[in-house]
């Protein structure tokens, strides 16, 4: 590497994370003099030509994402066979660590975090990107409760390779992937929505919806088993929130909230005392949830509108008095002239 800098630009400072496919470092961008996070993919991924092409393509697409709840990608490339991706450095902790420290999150706190996560995922979906590997480890939470989703692009690139091509690589996250992914189906926005449900389940209960010793057993549970109702694990969870979680974890994609945006809207209108209502897409209503119109809010009177109301009342009163004053005059004139239609003579 040129001058011991990755890509001739990034100086690695310390390892801050490690996963089944990559190591993450806090680094210094010597060109811009700022801290960044650098993810370096492990061999044999870096040596796989098809993966290299897919990685560069997906990283380029993910670099175009610009959202406050998605980690910004600054750069990516190859350096002497090393594949790397450079992202904004987030001073915080991942959601998985936060859950472990706290045992489980307060339901309202979990809802607020999931609203932000859904907002970021929904934005990516509208841009045509599916994450494919949403999990608490890929979600950073800052001390002031800002949320940043990581690994857009990398996870999608991994999804293009068959698991048996590299048996020593940990593929995906079986605790959080959807039934359709468990059965070998292609990932979709609905798959990401299911993963969001699994994450929300863990936030409020302290454990994933399914636990097993092997990835194969976990896949089977996602396909056939029903999760334990969250309130059976933690009684303080509101019933309406439990119903939201169980709906998102439905086996059939069509039975879930259809997009991350829709889940976010449901959580935004979340009421502890009422089950969230859903709009039907029948009887000619819009089938695309992203195009559904929000119910208009009742208009609230401002000082200007109140003043206009008084002006209209005053004008009406003046008109009434004016007309009222003309009526006696009109009757008097009619009595003087025989041609008047109401003349009694």
C-alpha atoms as a PDB file:
ATOM      1  CA  UNK A   1       0.000   0.000   0.000  1.00  0.00           C
ATOM      2  CA  UNK A   2       1.391   3.381  -0.996  1.00  0.00           C
ATOM      3  CA  UNK A   3       3.179   4.985   1.963  1.00  0.00           C
ATOM      4  CA  UNK A   4       1.385   2.545   4.299  1.00  0.00           C
ATOM      5  CA  UNK A   5      -1.878   4.336   3.569  1.00  0.00           C
ATOM      6  CA  UNK A   6      -4.844   2.408   2.252  1.00  0.00           C
ATOM      7  CA  UNK A   7      -5.528   3.743  -1.203  1.00  0.00           C
ATOM      8  CA  UNK A   8      -2.669   6.177  -0.628  1.00  0.00           C
ATOM      9  CA  UNK A   9      -4.997   8.178   1.586  1.00  0.00           C
ATOM     10  CA  UNK A  10      -6.388   6.386   4.657  1.00  0.00           C
ATOM     11  CA  UNK A  11      -4.323   5.647   7.743  1.00  0.00           C
ATOM     12  CA  UNK A  12      -5.782   2.891   9.925  1.00  0.00           C
ATOM     13  CA  UNK A  13      -5.816   3.826  13.626  1.00  0.00           C
ATOM     14  CA  UNK A  14      -7.587   0.991  15.444  1.00  0.00           C
ATOM     15  CA  UNK A  15      -9.954  -1.903  14.829  1.00  0.00           C
ATOM     16  CA  UNK A  16     -13.417  -1.022  16.111  1.00  0.00           C
ATOM     17  CA  UNK A  17     -15.446  -3.941  14.818  1.00  0.00           C
ATOM     18  CA  UNK A  18     -15.338  -7.343  13.201  1.00  0.00           C
ATOM     19  CA  UNK A  19     -17.884  -9.504  11.428  1.00  0.00           C
ATOM     20  CA  UNK A  20     -18.126 -12.626   9.346  1.00  0.00           C
ATOM     21  CA  UNK A  21     -17.069 -10.862   6.152  1.00  0.00           C
ATOM     22  CA  UNK A  22     -15.038  -7.794   7.132  1.00  0.00           C
ATOM     23  CA  UNK A  23     -13.081  -5.852   9.734  1.00  0.00           C
ATOM     24  CA  UNK A  24     -13.871  -2.225  10.533  1.00  0.00           C
ATOM     25  CA  UNK A  25     -11.273   0.370  11.478  1.00  0.00           C
ATOM     26  CA  UNK A  26     -11.302   3.905  12.724  1.00  0.00           C
ATOM     27  CA  UNK A  27      -9.034   5.728  10.311  1.00  0.00           C
ATOM     28  CA  UNK A  28      -7.786   9.152   9.300  1.00  0.00           C
ATOM     29  CA  UNK A  29      -8.395  10.562   5.852  1.00  0.00           C
ATOM     30  CA  UNK A  30      -5.054  12.300   5.290  1.00  0.00           C
ATOM     31  CA  UNK A  31      -6.381  14.234   2.324  1.00  0.00           C
ATOM     32  CA  UNK A  32      -9.305  15.867   4.140  1.00  0.00           C
ATOM     33  CA  UNK A  33      -7.927  15.501   7.682  1.00  0.00           C
ATOM     34  CA  UNK A  34     -11.038  13.897   9.131  1.00  0.00           C
ATOM     35  CA  UNK A  35     -11.855  10.687  10.942  1.00  0.00           C
ATOM     36  CA  UNK A  36     -13.595   8.008   8.923  1.00  0.00           C
ATOM     37  CA  UNK A  37     -14.586   4.370   9.293  1.00  0.00           C
ATOM     38  CA  UNK A  38     -12.993   1.897   6.874  1.00  0.00           C
ATOM     39  CA  UNK A  39     -14.428  -1.555   6.254  1.00  0.00           C
ATOM     40  CA  UNK A  40     -11.922  -4.011   4.768  1.00  0.00           C
ATOM     41  CA  UNK A  41     -13.377  -7.171   3.265  1.00  0.00           C
ATOM     42  CA  UNK A  42     -11.630 -10.407   4.086  1.00  0.00           C
ATOM     43  CA  UNK A  43     -10.236 -12.988   1.728  1.00  0.00           C
ATOM     44  CA  UNK A  44     -11.451 -14.937  -0.160  1.00  0.00           C
ATOM     45  CA  UNK A  45     -14.082 -12.315  -0.996  1.00  0.00           C
ATOM     46  CA  UNK A  46     -11.460  -9.847  -2.152  1.00  0.00           C
ATOM     47  CA  UNK A  47     -10.107 -12.450  -4.576  1.00  0.00           C
ATOM     48  CA  UNK A  48     -13.485 -13.351  -6.068  1.00  0.00           C
ATOM     49  CA  UNK A  49     -13.742 -11.531  -9.401  1.00  0.00           C
ATOM     50  CA  UNK A  50     -17.529 -11.742  -9.655  1.00  0.00           C
ATOM     51  CA  UNK A  51     -17.909 -10.421  -6.139  1.00  0.00           C
ATOM     52  CA  UNK A  52     -15.461  -7.580  -6.811  1.00  0.00           C
ATOM     53  CA  UNK A  53     -17.578  -6.410  -9.728  1.00  0.00           C
ATOM     54  CA  UNK A  54     -20.800  -6.718  -7.749  1.00  0.00           C
ATOM     55  CA  UNK A  55     -19.254  -4.975  -4.738  1.00  0.00           C
ATOM     56  CA  UNK A  56     -18.077  -1.979  -6.753  1.00  0.00           C
ATOM     57  CA  UNK A  57     -21.444  -1.709  -8.504  1.00  0.00           C
ATOM     58  CA  UNK A  58     -23.475  -1.873  -5.284  1.00  0.00           C
ATOM     59  CA  UNK A  59     -21.098   0.430  -3.396  1.00  0.00           C
ATOM     60  CA  UNK A  60     -21.459   3.008  -6.155  1.00  0.00           C
ATOM     61  CA  UNK A  61     -25.261   2.829  -5.861  1.00  0.00           C
ATOM     62  CA  UNK A  62     -25.157   3.030  -2.058  1.00  0.00           C
ATOM     63  CA  UNK A  63     -22.809   6.026  -2.233  1.00  0.00           C
ATOM     64  CA  UNK A  64     -25.645   7.966  -3.872  1.00  0.00           C
ATOM     65  CA  UNK A  65     -27.833   7.567  -0.784  1.00  0.00           C
ATOM     66  CA  UNK A  66     -28.121  10.742   1.266  1.00  0.00           C
ATOM     67  CA  UNK A  67     -30.292  10.418   4.352  1.00  0.00           C
ATOM     68  CA  UNK A  68     -29.813  11.383   8.012  1.00  0.00           C
ATOM     69  CA  UNK A  69     -30.465   7.789   9.120  1.00  0.00           C
ATOM     70  CA  UNK A  70     -28.047   6.115   6.682  1.00  0.00           C
ATOM     71  CA  UNK A  71     -24.274   6.116   7.098  1.00  0.00           C
ATOM     72  CA  UNK A  72     -22.741   8.147   4.273  1.00  0.00           C
ATOM     73  CA  UNK A  73     -20.285   6.353   1.989  1.00  0.00           C
ATOM     74  CA  UNK A  74     -17.335   8.572   1.093  1.00  0.00           C
ATOM     75  CA  UNK A  75     -15.162   6.264  -0.997  1.00  0.00           C
ATOM     76  CA  UNK A  76     -14.521   2.657  -2.027  1.00  0.00           C
ATOM     77  CA  UNK A  77     -12.026   0.762  -4.107  1.00  0.00           C
ATOM     78  CA  UNK A  78      -9.184  -1.782  -4.313  1.00  0.00           C
ATOM     79  CA  UNK A  79      -5.634  -1.518  -3.058  1.00  0.00           C
ATOM     80  CA  UNK A  80      -3.286  -4.378  -3.967  1.00  0.00           C
ATOM     81  CA  UNK A  81      -6.126  -6.880  -3.869  1.00  0.00           C
ATOM     82  CA  UNK A  82      -7.763  -5.369  -0.784  1.00  0.00           C
ATOM     83  CA  UNK A  83     -11.397  -4.340  -1.188  1.00  0.00           C
ATOM     84  CA  UNK A  84     -12.425  -1.500   1.097  1.00  0.00           C
ATOM     85  CA  UNK A  85     -15.213   0.959   1.666  1.00  0.00           C
ATOM     86  CA  UNK A  86     -14.875   4.298   3.490  1.00  0.00           C
ATOM     87  CA  UNK A  87     -17.794   5.673   5.503  1.00  0.00           C
ATOM     88  CA  UNK A  88     -18.545   8.445   7.944  1.00  0.00           C
ATOM     89  CA  UNK A  89     -17.313   7.636  11.432  1.00  0.00           C
ATOM     90  CA  UNK A  90     -20.118   7.367  13.990  1.00  0.00           C
ATOM     91  CA  UNK A  91     -19.263   7.936  17.640  1.00  0.00           C
ATOM     92  CA  UNK A  92     -21.767   5.652  19.295  1.00  0.00           C
ATOM     93  CA  UNK A  93     -22.658   2.033  19.830  1.00  0.00           C
ATOM     94  CA  UNK A  94     -24.468  -0.526  17.739  1.00  0.00           C
ATOM     95  CA  UNK A  95     -28.041  -1.382  18.647  1.00  0.00           C
ATOM     96  CA  UNK A  96     -27.141  -4.980  19.566  1.00  0.00           C
ATOM     97  CA  UNK A  97     -24.714  -3.786  22.244  1.00  0.00           C
ATOM     98  CA  UNK A  98     -27.271  -1.276  23.504  1.00  0.00           C
ATOM     99  CA  UNK A  99     -29.900  -4.007  23.926  1.00  0.00           C
ATOM    100  CA  UNK A 100     -27.428  -6.239  25.779  1.00  0.00           C
ATOM    101  CA  UNK A 101     -26.542  -3.445  28.181  1.00  0.00           C
ATOM    102  CA  UNK A 102     -30.149  -2.508  28.854  1.00  0.00           C
ATOM    103  CA  UNK A 103     -31.659  -6.047  28.719  1.00  0.00           C
ATOM    104  CA  UNK A 104     -34.499  -4.551  26.682  1.00  0.00           C
ATOM    105  CA  UNK A 105     -35.630  -1.073  25.691  1.00  0.00           C
ATOM    106  CA  UNK A 106     -38.601   0.894  26.932  1.00  0.00           C
ATOM    107  CA  UNK A 107     -41.424   0.339  24.394  1.00  0.00           C
ATOM    108  CA  UNK A 108     -41.771   4.018  23.536  1.00  0.00           C
ATOM    109  CA  UNK A 109     -38.002   4.384  23.141  1.00  0.00           C
ATOM    110  CA  UNK A 110     -37.990   1.337  20.866  1.00  0.00           C
ATOM    111  CA  UNK A 111     -40.806   2.834  18.788  1.00  0.00           C
ATOM    112  CA  UNK A 112     -38.931   6.131  18.393  1.00  0.00           C
ATOM    113  CA  UNK A 113     -35.769   4.340  17.249  1.00  0.00           C
ATOM    114  CA  UNK A 114     -37.676   2.088  14.844  1.00  0.00           C
ATOM    115  CA  UNK A 115     -39.416   5.093  13.285  1.00  0.00           C
ATOM    116  CA  UNK A 116     -35.994   6.497  12.382  1.00  0.00           C
ATOM    117  CA  UNK A 117     -34.741   3.130  11.134  1.00  0.00           C
ATOM    118  CA  UNK A 118     -37.869   2.650   9.000  1.00  0.00           C
ATOM    119  CA  UNK A 119     -37.450   6.145   7.591  1.00  0.00           C
ATOM    120  CA  UNK A 120     -33.919   5.362   6.407  1.00  0.00           C
ATOM    121  CA  UNK A 121     -34.806   1.944   5.004  1.00  0.00           C
ATOM    122  CA  UNK A 122     -37.876   3.365   3.265  1.00  0.00           C
ATOM    123  CA  UNK A 123     -35.736   6.038   1.617  1.00  0.00           C
ATOM    124  CA  UNK A 124     -33.345   3.372   0.307  1.00  0.00           C
ATOM    125  CA  UNK A 125     -36.248   1.300  -1.009  1.00  0.00           C
ATOM    126  CA  UNK A 126     -37.573   4.283  -2.936  1.00  0.00           C
ATOM    127  CA  UNK A 127     -34.088   4.656  -4.401  1.00  0.00           C
ATOM    128  CA  UNK A 128     -34.238   1.025  -5.569  1.00  0.00           C
ATOM    129  CA  UNK A 129     -31.911  -0.494  -2.942  1.00  0.00           C
ATOM    130  CA  UNK A 130     -32.709  -3.409  -0.642  1.00  0.00           C
ATOM    131  CA  UNK A 131     -30.430  -3.896   2.363  1.00  0.00           C
ATOM    132  CA  UNK A 132     -30.713  -7.731   2.568  1.00  0.00           C
ATOM    133  CA  UNK A 133     -29.013  -7.996   5.983  1.00  0.00           C
ATOM    134  CA  UNK A 134     -30.706  -5.683   8.467  1.00  0.00           C
ATOM    135  CA  UNK A 135     -29.778  -6.547  12.049  1.00  0.00           C
ATOM    136  CA  UNK A 136     -29.042  -4.677  15.300  1.00  0.00           C
ATOM    137  CA  UNK A 137     -25.298  -4.923  14.608  1.00  0.00           C
ATOM    138  CA  UNK A 138     -25.801  -2.844  11.434  1.00  0.00           C
ATOM    139  CA  UNK A 139     -27.575  -0.015  13.242  1.00  0.00           C
ATOM    140  CA  UNK A 140     -25.547   2.604  15.090  1.00  0.00           C
ATOM    141  CA  UNK A 141     -27.087   4.698  17.876  1.00  0.00           C
ATOM    142  CA  UNK A 142     -25.377   7.892  19.011  1.00  0.00           C
ATOM    143  CA  UNK A 143     -25.477   9.260  22.589  1.00  0.00           C
ATOM    144  CA  UNK A 144     -28.196  11.735  21.530  1.00  0.00           C
ATOM    145  CA  UNK A 145     -30.305   8.891  20.033  1.00  0.00           C
ATOM    146  CA  UNK A 146     -29.554   9.545  16.390  1.00  0.00           C
ATOM    147  CA  UNK A 147     -29.740   6.419  14.234  1.00  0.00           C
ATOM    148  CA  UNK A 148     -27.414   5.417  11.398  1.00  0.00           C
ATOM    149  CA  UNK A 149     -27.874   2.287   9.263  1.00  0.00           C
ATOM    150  CA  UNK A 150     -24.685   0.743   7.895  1.00  0.00           C
ATOM    151  CA  UNK A 151     -23.746  -1.763   5.185  1.00  0.00           C
ATOM    152  CA  UNK A 152     -26.036  -0.728   2.344  1.00  0.00           C
ATOM    153  CA  UNK A 153     -24.296  -1.992  -0.773  1.00  0.00           C
ATOM    154  CA  UNK A 154     -22.038  -4.547   0.900  1.00  0.00           C
ATOM    155  CA  UNK A 155     -24.938  -6.750   1.981  1.00  0.00           C
ATOM    156  CA  UNK A 156     -26.564  -6.474  -1.430  1.00  0.00           C
ATOM    157  CA  UNK A 157     -23.317  -7.495  -3.114  1.00  0.00           C
ATOM    158  CA  UNK A 158     -23.036 -10.519  -0.835  1.00  0.00           C
ATOM    159  CA  UNK A 159     -26.570 -11.534  -1.768  1.00  0.00           C
ATOM    160  CA  UNK A 160     -25.420 -12.061  -5.364  1.00  0.00           C
ATOM    161  CA  UNK A 161     -23.112 -14.947  -4.385  1.00  0.00           C
ATOM    162  CA  UNK A 162     -24.277 -18.452  -3.593  1.00  0.00           C
ATOM    163  CA  UNK A 163     -23.441 -19.465  -0.001  1.00  0.00           C
ATOM    164  CA  UNK A 164     -21.680 -22.660  -1.069  1.00  0.00           C
ATOM    165  CA  UNK A 165     -19.141 -20.695  -3.116  1.00  0.00           C
ATOM    166  CA  UNK A 166     -17.322 -19.713   0.105  1.00  0.00           C
ATOM    167  CA  UNK A 167     -18.098 -22.123   2.918  1.00  0.00           C
ATOM    168  CA  UNK A 168     -15.837 -20.271   5.369  1.00  0.00           C
ATOM    169  CA  UNK A 169     -17.818 -17.028   5.136  1.00  0.00           C
ATOM    170  CA  UNK A 170     -20.752 -16.305   7.436  1.00  0.00           C
ATOM    171  CA  UNK A 171     -23.637 -15.431   5.111  1.00  0.00           C
ATOM    172  CA  UNK A 172     -26.398 -13.140   6.255  1.00  0.00           C
ATOM    173  CA  UNK A 173     -27.931 -13.116   9.707  1.00  0.00           C
ATOM    174  CA  UNK A 174     -30.250 -16.108  10.206  1.00  0.00           C
ATOM    175  CA  UNK A 175     -31.792 -14.637  13.359  1.00  0.00           C
ATOM    176  CA  UNK A 176     -33.215 -11.735  11.369  1.00  0.00           C
ATOM    177  CA  UNK A 177     -33.731 -12.853   7.783  1.00  0.00           C
ATOM    178  CA  UNK A 178     -37.170 -13.409   6.313  1.00  0.00           C
ATOM    179  CA  UNK A 179     -38.928 -16.707   5.549  1.00  0.00           C
ATOM    180  CA  UNK A 180     -38.515 -16.082   1.811  1.00  0.00           C
ATOM    181  CA  UNK A 181     -34.761 -15.606   2.296  1.00  0.00           C
ATOM    182  CA  UNK A 182     -34.667 -18.719   4.473  1.00  0.00           C
ATOM    183  CA  UNK A 183     -36.161 -20.702   1.596  1.00  0.00           C
ATOM    184  CA  UNK A 184     -33.640 -19.318  -0.900  1.00  0.00           C
ATOM    185  CA  UNK A 185     -35.834 -16.635  -2.417  1.00  0.00           C
ATOM    186  CA  UNK A 186     -34.593 -13.286  -3.665  1.00  0.00           C
ATOM    187  CA  UNK A 187     -34.555 -10.462  -1.109  1.00  0.00           C
ATOM    188  CA  UNK A 188     -37.110  -7.693  -1.524  1.00  0.00           C
ATOM    189  CA  UNK A 189     -38.407  -4.660   0.374  1.00  0.00           C
ATOM    190  CA  UNK A 190     -40.797  -7.036   2.159  1.00  0.00           C
ATOM    191  CA  UNK A 191     -37.771  -9.027   3.346  1.00  0.00           C
ATOM    192  CA  UNK A 192     -36.288  -5.907   4.897  1.00  0.00           C
ATOM    193  CA  UNK A 193     -39.634  -5.166   6.576  1.00  0.00           C
ATOM    194  CA  UNK A 194     -39.591  -8.623   8.204  1.00  0.00           C
ATOM    195  CA  UNK A 195     -36.058  -7.988   9.456  1.00  0.00           C
ATOM    196  CA  UNK A 196     -37.232  -4.687  10.944  1.00  0.00           C
ATOM    197  CA  UNK A 197     -39.919  -6.639  12.788  1.00  0.00           C
ATOM    198  CA  UNK A 198     -37.330  -9.058  14.170  1.00  0.00           C
ATOM    199  CA  UNK A 199     -35.216  -6.110  15.332  1.00  0.00           C
ATOM    200  CA  UNK A 200     -38.200  -4.397  16.986  1.00  0.00           C
ATOM    201  CA  UNK A 201     -39.100  -7.695  18.673  1.00  0.00           C
ATOM    202  CA  UNK A 202     -35.611  -7.922  20.153  1.00  0.00           C
ATOM    203  CA  UNK A 203     -35.623  -4.280  21.242  1.00  0.00           C
ATOM    204  CA  UNK A 204     -38.739  -4.699  23.386  1.00  0.00           C
ATOM    205  CA  UNK A 205     -38.184  -8.279  24.639  1.00  0.00           C
ATOM    206  CA  UNK A 206     -34.393  -8.502  24.830  1.00  0.00           C
ATOM    207  CA  UNK A 207     -34.219 -11.555  22.570  1.00  0.00           C
ATOM    208  CA  UNK A 208     -34.675 -12.364  18.858  1.00  0.00           C
ATOM    209  CA  UNK A 209     -37.983 -13.915  17.792  1.00  0.00           C
ATOM    210  CA  UNK A 210     -36.283 -17.274  17.209  1.00  0.00           C
ATOM    211  CA  UNK A 211     -33.263 -18.932  18.807  1.00  0.00           C
ATOM    212  CA  UNK A 212     -31.573 -22.136  17.603  1.00  0.00           C
ATOM    213  CA  UNK A 213     -28.147 -23.762  17.532  1.00  0.00           C
ATOM    214  CA  UNK A 214     -27.687 -23.787  13.757  1.00  0.00           C
ATOM    215  CA  UNK A 215     -28.523 -21.549  10.821  1.00  0.00           C
ATOM    216  CA  UNK A 216     -30.550 -24.382   9.267  1.00  0.00           C
ATOM    217  CA  UNK A 217     -32.686 -24.722  12.394  1.00  0.00           C
ATOM    218  CA  UNK A 218     -33.213 -20.953  12.495  1.00  0.00           C
ATOM    219  CA  UNK A 219     -34.276 -20.968   8.853  1.00  0.00           C
ATOM    220  CA  UNK A 220     -36.831 -23.678   9.594  1.00  0.00           C
ATOM    221  CA  UNK A 221     -38.227 -21.680  12.513  1.00  0.00           C
ATOM    222  CA  UNK A 222     -38.642 -18.596  10.337  1.00  0.00           C
ATOM    223  CA  UNK A 223     -40.503 -20.729   7.807  1.00  0.00           C
ATOM    224  CA  UNK A 224     -42.835 -22.662  10.101  1.00  0.00           C
ATOM    225  CA  UNK A 225     -42.875 -21.455  13.719  1.00  0.00           C
ATOM    226  CA  UNK A 226     -44.777 -18.594  15.319  1.00  0.00           C
ATOM    227  CA  UNK A 227     -42.799 -16.294  17.608  1.00  0.00           C
ATOM    228  CA  UNK A 228     -43.641 -16.148  21.292  1.00  0.00           C
ATOM    229  CA  UNK A 229     -45.975 -13.171  21.807  1.00  0.00           C
ATOM    230  CA  UNK A 230     -43.837 -10.320  23.155  1.00  0.00           C
ATOM    231  CA  UNK A 231     -46.144  -9.713  26.133  1.00  0.00           C
ATOM    232  CA  UNK A 232     -45.506 -13.294  27.276  1.00  0.00           C
ATOM    233  CA  UNK A 233     -41.863 -12.305  27.693  1.00  0.00           C
ATOM    234  CA  UNK A 234     -42.288  -8.728  28.942  1.00  0.00           C
ATOM    235  CA  UNK A 235     -45.706  -7.846  30.359  1.00  0.00           C
ATOM    236  CA  UNK A 236     -45.107  -4.077  30.157  1.00  0.00           C
ATOM    237  CA  UNK A 237     -45.306  -4.164  26.358  1.00  0.00           C
ATOM    238  CA  UNK A 238     -48.571  -2.518  25.202  1.00  0.00           C
ATOM    239  CA  UNK A 239     -50.983  -4.813  23.382  1.00  0.00           C
ATOM    240  CA  UNK A 240     -51.174  -2.526  20.297  1.00  0.00           C
ATOM    241  CA  UNK A 241     -47.388  -2.653  19.937  1.00  0.00           C
ATOM    242  CA  UNK A 242     -47.438  -6.445  20.199  1.00  0.00           C
ATOM    243  CA  UNK A 243     -49.957  -6.587  17.359  1.00  0.00           C
ATOM    244  CA  UNK A 244     -47.755  -4.361  15.185  1.00  0.00           C
ATOM    245  CA  UNK A 245     -44.725  -6.599  15.791  1.00  0.00           C
ATOM    246  CA  UNK A 246     -46.592  -9.831  15.082  1.00  0.00           C
ATOM    247  CA  UNK A 247     -48.029  -8.411  11.858  1.00  0.00           C
ATOM    248  CA  UNK A 248     -44.560  -7.423  10.622  1.00  0.00           C
ATOM    249  CA  UNK A 249     -43.358 -10.967  11.386  1.00  0.00           C
ATOM    250  CA  UNK A 250     -46.066 -12.605   9.261  1.00  0.00           C
ATOM    251  CA  UNK A 251     -44.797 -15.501   7.145  1.00  0.00           C
ATOM    252  CA  UNK A 252     -46.426 -14.239   3.954  1.00  0.00           C
ATOM    253  CA  UNK A 253     -45.014 -10.935   2.647  1.00  0.00           C
ATOM    254  CA  UNK A 254     -48.516  -9.801   1.638  1.00  0.00           C
ATOM    255  CA  UNK A 255     -49.692 -10.101   5.255  1.00  0.00           C
ATOM    256  CA  UNK A 256     -47.053  -7.670   6.565  1.00  0.00           C
ATOM    257  CA  UNK A 257     -46.940  -3.921   6.296  1.00  0.00           C
ATOM    258  CA  UNK A 258     -45.896  -3.695   2.682  1.00  0.00           C
ATOM    259  CA  UNK A 259     -43.058  -1.196   2.960  1.00  0.00           C
ATOM    260  CA  UNK A 260     -40.772   0.299   5.570  1.00  0.00           C
ATOM    261  CA  UNK A 261     -42.525   3.614   4.932  1.00  0.00           C
ATOM    262  CA  UNK A 262     -45.870   2.092   5.858  1.00  0.00           C
ATOM    263  CA  UNK A 263     -44.410   0.630   9.055  1.00  0.00           C
ATOM    264  CA  UNK A 264     -42.977   4.047   9.888  1.00  0.00           C
ATOM    265  CA  UNK A 265     -46.380   5.687   9.391  1.00  0.00           C
ATOM    266  CA  UNK A 266     -48.062   3.131  11.636  1.00  0.00           C
ATOM    267  CA  UNK A 267     -45.484   3.760  14.365  1.00  0.00           C
ATOM    268  CA  UNK A 268     -45.800   7.529  13.949  1.00  0.00           C
ATOM    269  CA  UNK A 269     -49.527   7.215  14.700  1.00  0.00           C
ATOM    270  CA  UNK A 270     -48.881   4.649  17.440  1.00  0.00           C
ATOM    271  CA  UNK A 271     -51.315   4.903  20.341  1.00  0.00           C
ATOM    272  CA  UNK A 272     -50.792   2.972  23.548  1.00  0.00           C
ATOM    273  CA  UNK A 273     -54.522   2.585  24.072  1.00  0.00           C
ATOM    274  CA  UNK A 274     -55.758   1.712  20.598  1.00  0.00           C
ATOM    275  CA  UNK A 275     -54.913  -0.811  17.940  1.00  0.00           C
ATOM    276  CA  UNK A 276     -53.592   1.063  14.873  1.00  0.00           C
ATOM    277  CA  UNK A 277     -56.094   1.300  12.059  1.00  0.00           C
ATOM    278  CA  UNK A 278     -55.152   0.313   8.536  1.00  0.00           C
ATOM    279  CA  UNK A 279     -56.523   1.724   5.323  1.00  0.00           C
ATOM    280  CA  UNK A 280     -58.016  -0.770   2.930  1.00  0.00           C
ATOM    281  CA  UNK A 281     -56.661  -0.811  -0.612  1.00  0.00           C
ATOM    282  CA  UNK A 282     -59.992  -2.079  -1.976  1.00  0.00           C
ATOM    283  CA  UNK A 283     -62.939  -0.253  -3.528  1.00  0.00           C
ATOM    284  CA  UNK A 284     -60.812   1.760  -5.901  1.00  0.00           C
ATOM    285  CA  UNK A 285     -58.316   3.086  -3.364  1.00  0.00           C
ATOM    286  CA  UNK A 286     -54.658   3.329  -4.264  1.00  0.00           C
ATOM    287  CA  UNK A 287     -52.790   0.029  -4.247  1.00  0.00           C
ATOM    288  CA  UNK A 288     -49.374   1.661  -3.922  1.00  0.00           C
ATOM    289  CA  UNK A 289     -48.843   2.467  -0.212  1.00  0.00           C
ATOM    290  CA  UNK A 290     -46.200   5.027  -1.075  1.00  0.00           C
ATOM    291  CA  UNK A 291     -48.831   7.021  -2.967  1.00  0.00           C
ATOM    292  CA  UNK A 292     -51.514   6.820  -0.303  1.00  0.00           C
ATOM    293  CA  UNK A 293     -52.727  10.175   0.899  1.00  0.00           C
ATOM    294  CA  UNK A 294     -52.500  10.957   4.580  1.00  0.00           C
ATOM    295  CA  UNK A 295     -55.814  11.948   6.162  1.00  0.00           C
ATOM    296  CA  UNK A 296     -56.030  15.745   6.141  1.00  0.00           C
ATOM    297  CA  UNK A 297     -55.683  17.298   9.568  1.00  0.00           C
ATOM    298  CA  UNK A 298     -58.516  19.537  10.810  1.00  0.00           C
ATOM    299  CA  UNK A 299     -57.804  23.158  10.044  1.00  0.00           C
ATOM    300  CA  UNK A 300     -56.817  25.167  13.076  1.00  0.00           C
ATOM    301  CA  UNK A 301     -57.801  28.825  13.281  1.00  0.00           C
ATOM    302  CA  UNK A 302     -54.952  31.245  13.476  1.00  0.00           C
ATOM    303  CA  UNK A 303     -55.079  34.883  14.589  1.00  0.00           C
ATOM    304  CA  UNK A 304     -55.496  35.890  10.942  1.00  0.00           C
ATOM    305  CA  UNK A 305     -58.428  33.566  10.293  1.00  0.00           C
ATOM    306  CA  UNK A 306     -60.107  34.623  13.545  1.00  0.00           C
ATOM    307  CA  UNK A 307     -59.793  38.283  12.553  1.00  0.00           C
ATOM    308  CA  UNK A 308     -61.287  37.488   9.141  1.00  0.00           C
ATOM    309  CA  UNK A 309     -64.238  35.822  10.874  1.00  0.00           C
ATOM    310  CA  UNK A 310     -64.999  38.999  12.830  1.00  0.00           C
ATOM    311  CA  UNK A 311     -64.734  41.131   9.688  1.00  0.00           C
ATOM    312  CA  UNK A 312     -67.226  38.887   7.891  1.00  0.00           C
ATOM    313  CA  UNK A 313     -69.627  39.098  10.842  1.00  0.00           C
ATOM    314  CA  UNK A 314     -69.375  42.898  10.866  1.00  0.00           C
ATOM    315  CA  UNK A 315     -69.984  43.146   7.125  1.00  0.00           C
ATOM    316  CA  UNK A 316     -72.976  40.868   7.411  1.00  0.00           C
ATOM    317  CA  UNK A 317     -74.431  42.997  10.204  1.00  0.00           C
ATOM    318  CA  UNK A 318     -73.987  46.195   8.168  1.00  0.00           C
ATOM    319  CA  UNK A 319     -75.688  44.574   5.180  1.00  0.00           C
ATOM    320  CA  UNK A 320     -78.571  43.419   7.362  1.00  0.00           C
ATOM    321  CA  UNK A 321     -79.120  46.880   8.882  1.00  0.00           C
ATOM    322  CA  UNK A 322     -78.911  48.538   5.473  1.00  0.00           C
ATOM    323  CA  UNK A 323     -81.485  46.233   3.944  1.00  0.00           C
ATOM    324  CA  UNK A 324     -83.650  46.486   7.047  1.00  0.00           C
ATOM    325  CA  UNK A 325     -83.664  50.288   6.754  1.00  0.00           C
ATOM    326  CA  UNK A 326     -84.706  50.207   3.093  1.00  0.00           C
ATOM    327  CA  UNK A 327     -87.751  48.016   3.609  1.00  0.00           C
ATOM    328  CA  UNK A 328     -89.939  50.707   5.329  1.00  0.00           C
ATOM    329  CA  UNK A 329     -88.953  53.230   2.646  1.00  0.00           C
ATOM    330  CA  UNK A 330     -89.919  50.797  -0.108  1.00  0.00           C
ATOM    331  CA  UNK A 331     -93.315  50.119   1.532  1.00  0.00           C
ATOM    332  CA  UNK A 332     -94.032  53.867   1.891  1.00  0.00           C
ATOM    333  CA  UNK A 333     -93.270  54.470  -1.810  1.00  0.00           C
ATOM    334  CA  UNK A 334     -95.522  51.599  -2.845  1.00  0.00           C
ATOM    335  CA  UNK A 335     -98.442  52.999  -0.850  1.00  0.00           C
ATOM    336  CA  UNK A 336     -98.160  56.361  -2.674  1.00  0.00           C
ATOM    337  CA  UNK A 337     -98.363  54.864  -6.144  1.00  0.00           C
ATOM    338  CA  UNK A 338    -101.310  52.706  -7.257  1.00  0.00           C
ATOM    339  CA  UNK A 339     -99.145  50.720  -9.620  1.00  0.00           C
ATOM    340  CA  UNK A 340     -97.302  49.178  -6.693  1.00  0.00           C
ATOM    341  CA  UNK A 341     -98.133  45.430  -6.719  1.00  0.00           C
ATOM    342  CA  UNK A 342     -98.782  45.325  -2.962  1.00  0.00           C
ATOM    343  CA  UNK A 343    -101.060  48.415  -2.870  1.00  0.00           C
ATOM    344  CA  UNK A 344    -104.131  47.231  -0.860  1.00  0.00           C
ATOM    345  CA  UNK A 345    -106.497  49.576  -2.769  1.00  0.00           C
END
